[in-house]
C-alpha atoms as a PDB file:
ATOM      1  CA  MET A   1       7.199 -23.015 -22.635  1.00  0.00           C
ATOM      2  CA  GLU A   2       7.043 -19.223 -22.350  1.00  0.00           C
ATOM      3  CA  GLY A   3       8.552 -17.022 -19.679  1.00  0.00           C
ATOM      4  CA  ILE A   4       6.790 -14.808 -17.261  1.00  0.00           C
ATOM      5  CA  GLY A   5       4.548 -12.348 -19.146  1.00  0.00           C
ATOM      6  CA  LEU A   6       2.416  -9.330 -18.452  1.00  0.00           C
ATOM      7  CA  THR A   7      -0.541 -11.441 -17.343  1.00  0.00           C
ATOM      8  CA  HIS A   8       1.497 -13.055 -14.602  1.00  0.00           C
ATOM      9  CA  TYR A   9       2.538  -9.668 -13.205  1.00  0.00           C
ATOM     10  CA  LEU A  10      -0.987  -8.325 -13.371  1.00  0.00           C
ATOM     11  CA  THR A  11      -2.345 -11.405 -11.626  1.00  0.00           C
ATOM     12  CA  LEU A  12       0.294 -11.044  -8.906  1.00  0.00           C
ATOM     13  CA  SER A  13      -0.582  -7.362  -8.530  1.00  0.00           C
ATOM     14  CA  ALA A  14      -4.322  -8.118  -8.303  1.00  0.00           C
ATOM     15  CA  VAL A  15      -3.757 -10.804  -5.645  1.00  0.00           C
ATOM     16  CA  VAL A  16      -1.529  -8.502  -3.531  1.00  0.00           C
ATOM     17  CA  PHE A  17      -4.046  -5.639  -3.925  1.00  0.00           C
ATOM     18  CA  CYS A  18      -6.895  -7.921  -2.822  1.00  0.00           C
ATOM     19  CA  ILE A  19      -4.916  -9.073   0.198  1.00  0.00           C
ATOM     20  CA  GLY A  20      -4.343  -5.410   1.101  1.00  0.00           C
ATOM     21  CA  VAL A  21      -8.028  -4.569   0.778  1.00  0.00           C
ATOM     22  CA  PHE A  22      -8.984  -7.614   2.856  1.00  0.00           C
ATOM     23  CA  GLY A  23      -6.468  -6.635   5.526  1.00  0.00           C
ATOM     24  CA  MET A  24      -7.651  -3.048   5.570  1.00  0.00           C
ATOM     25  CA  LEU A  25     -11.294  -4.038   5.997  1.00  0.00           C
ATOM     26  CA  THR A  26     -10.740  -6.731   8.622  1.00  0.00           C
ATOM     27  CA  ARG A  27      -7.938  -5.308  10.825  1.00  0.00           C
ATOM     28  CA  ARG A  28      -8.856  -3.593  14.050  1.00  0.00           C
ATOM     29  CA  ASN A  29      -5.312  -2.462  14.775  1.00  0.00           C
ATOM     30  CA  ALA A  30      -4.160   0.803  13.194  1.00  0.00           C
ATOM     31  CA  VAL A  31      -0.707  -0.577  12.404  1.00  0.00           C
ATOM     32  CA  GLY A  32      -2.316  -3.515  10.594  1.00  0.00           C
ATOM     33  CA  VAL A  33      -4.442  -1.120   8.527  1.00  0.00           C
ATOM     34  CA  LEU A  34      -1.264   0.875   7.614  1.00  0.00           C
ATOM     35  CA  MET A  35       0.519  -2.278   6.571  1.00  0.00           C
ATOM     36  CA  SER A  36      -2.486  -3.250   4.352  1.00  0.00           C
ATOM     37  CA  ILE A  37      -2.406   0.163   2.718  1.00  0.00           C
ATOM     38  CA  GLU A  38       1.317  -0.310   1.983  1.00  0.00           C
ATOM     39  CA  LEU A  39       0.487  -3.669   0.355  1.00  0.00           C
ATOM     40  CA  MET A  40      -1.950  -1.863  -1.908  1.00  0.00           C
ATOM     41  CA  PHE A  41       0.703   0.716  -2.836  1.00  0.00           C
ATOM     42  CA  ASN A  42       3.154  -2.078  -3.672  1.00  0.00           C
ATOM     43  CA  ALA A  43       0.583  -3.772  -5.890  1.00  0.00           C
ATOM     44  CA  VAL A  44       0.148  -0.558  -7.862  1.00  0.00           C
ATOM     45  CA  ASN A  45       3.943  -0.303  -8.203  1.00  0.00           C
ATOM     46  CA  ILE A  46       4.102  -3.862  -9.607  1.00  0.00           C
ATOM     47  CA  THR A  47       1.470  -2.895 -12.153  1.00  0.00           C
ATOM     48  CA  LEU A  48       3.247   0.304 -13.150  1.00  0.00           C
ATOM     49  CA  VAL A  49       6.623  -1.441 -13.637  1.00  0.00           C
ATOM     50  CA  ALA A  50       5.015  -4.320 -15.547  1.00  0.00           C
ATOM     51  CA  PHE A  51       3.226  -2.004 -17.928  1.00  0.00           C
ATOM     52  CA  ALA A  52       6.386   0.028 -18.435  1.00  0.00           C
ATOM     53  CA  ARG A  53       8.320  -3.141 -19.223  1.00  0.00           C
ATOM     54  CA  TYR A  54       5.832  -4.841 -21.575  1.00  0.00           C
ATOM     55  CA  VAL A  55       3.836  -2.065 -23.155  1.00  0.00           C
ATOM     56  CA  THR A  56       6.514   0.584 -23.781  1.00  0.00           C
ATOM     57  CA  PRO A  57       9.848  -1.197 -23.274  1.00  0.00           C
ATOM     58  CA  ALA A  58      11.947   1.728 -24.525  1.00  0.00           C
ATOM     59  CA  THR A  59      10.950   4.127 -21.810  1.00  0.00           C
ATOM     60  CA  ILE A  60      11.470   4.068 -18.055  1.00  0.00           C
ATOM     61  CA  THR A  61       8.338   6.067 -17.204  1.00  0.00           C
ATOM     62  CA  GLY A  62       6.824   3.259 -15.088  1.00  0.00           C
ATOM     63  CA  GLN A  63       9.956   2.853 -13.008  1.00  0.00           C
ATOM     64  CA  VAL A  64      10.155   6.635 -12.406  1.00  0.00           C
ATOM     65  CA  VAL A  65       6.516   6.748 -11.313  1.00  0.00           C
ATOM     66  CA  ALA A  66       7.032   3.732  -9.110  1.00  0.00           C
ATOM     67  CA  ILE A  67       9.998   5.437  -7.400  1.00  0.00           C
ATOM     68  CA  PHE A  68       7.855   8.537  -6.797  1.00  0.00           C
ATOM     69  CA  THR A  69       5.141   6.322  -5.396  1.00  0.00           C
ATOM     70  CA  ILE A  70       7.596   4.659  -3.063  1.00  0.00           C
ATOM     71  CA  ALA A  71       8.744   8.088  -1.846  1.00  0.00           C
ATOM     72  CA  VAL A  72       5.135   9.194  -1.257  1.00  0.00           C
ATOM     73  CA  ALA A  73       4.418   5.895   0.562  1.00  0.00           C
ATOM     74  CA  ALA A  74       7.424   6.381   2.816  1.00  0.00           C
ATOM     75  CA  ALA A  75       6.255   9.908   3.715  1.00  0.00           C
ATOM     76  CA  GLU A  76       2.703   8.612   4.266  1.00  0.00           C
ATOM     77  CA  ALA A  77       3.961   5.834   6.530  1.00  0.00           C
ATOM     78  CA  THR A  78       6.032   8.332   8.594  1.00  0.00           C
ATOM     79  CA  VAL A  79       3.093  10.661   9.138  1.00  0.00           C
ATOM     80  CA  ALA A  80       0.692   7.825   9.824  1.00  0.00           C
ATOM     81  CA  LEU A  81       2.966   6.203  12.399  1.00  0.00           C
ATOM     82  CA  ALA A  82       3.382   9.533  14.145  1.00  0.00           C
ATOM     83  CA  ILE A  83      -0.420   9.849  14.271  1.00  0.00           C
ATOM     84  CA  VAL A  84      -0.674   6.310  15.618  1.00  0.00           C
ATOM     85  CA  LEU A  85       1.849   7.113  18.383  1.00  0.00           C
ATOM     86  CA  LEU A  86      -0.162  10.204  19.390  1.00  0.00           C
ATOM     87  CA  ILE A  87      -3.369   8.171  19.429  1.00  0.00           C
ATOM     88  CA  TYR A  88      -1.661   5.534  21.604  1.00  0.00           C
ATOM     89  CA  GLN A  89      -0.493   8.164  24.027  1.00  0.00           C
ATOM     90  CA  HIS A  90      -3.945   9.766  24.258  1.00  0.00           C
ATOM     91  CA  HIS A  91      -6.183   6.674  24.255  1.00  0.00           C
ATOM     92  CA  ARG A  92      -3.776   3.942  25.565  1.00  0.00           C
ATOM     93  CA  GLY A  93      -4.579   1.744  22.616  1.00  0.00           C
ATOM     94  CA  ILE A  94      -4.667   1.752  18.821  1.00  0.00           C
ATOM     95  CA  ASP A  95      -7.872  -0.157  18.226  1.00  0.00           C
ATOM     96  CA  VAL A  96      -9.516   1.594  15.282  1.00  0.00           C
ATOM     97  CA  ASP A  97     -13.091   0.862  16.453  1.00  0.00           C
ATOM     98  CA  ARG A  98     -12.634   2.471  19.916  1.00  0.00           C
ATOM     99  CA  ILE A  99     -11.307   5.753  18.601  1.00  0.00           C
ATOM    100  CA  ASN A 100     -13.915   8.431  17.909  1.00  0.00           C
ATOM    101  CA  PHE A 101     -12.403  11.761  16.822  1.00  0.00           C
ATOM    102  CA  MET A 102     -15.725  13.572  16.584  1.00  0.00           C
ATOM    103  CA  LYS A 103     -16.365  13.245  20.302  1.00  0.00           C
ATOM    104  CA  TRP A 104     -14.565  15.704  22.514  1.00  0.00           C
END
């Protein structure tokens, strides 16, 4: 019986990414869409770390890139939540379908 290999991590990453895409396409709430995008970022991080571990085990390039991705995702989440708060103050709701930015 073998341990957990690269295929297992890639399968997990694909499942988490698909859950994120499904959530992004089906959610009407802006916060739900942001959470789905964060799931997709985490799936990419799993893939990066898995490739770094199994393809080139002597380097830590995948972990470094994953840390940079986490930092970018944190900044993105901060800016996106600030935008969601402004949308809520202006429209009294965060339903993505009701918001039309092109109409003044």
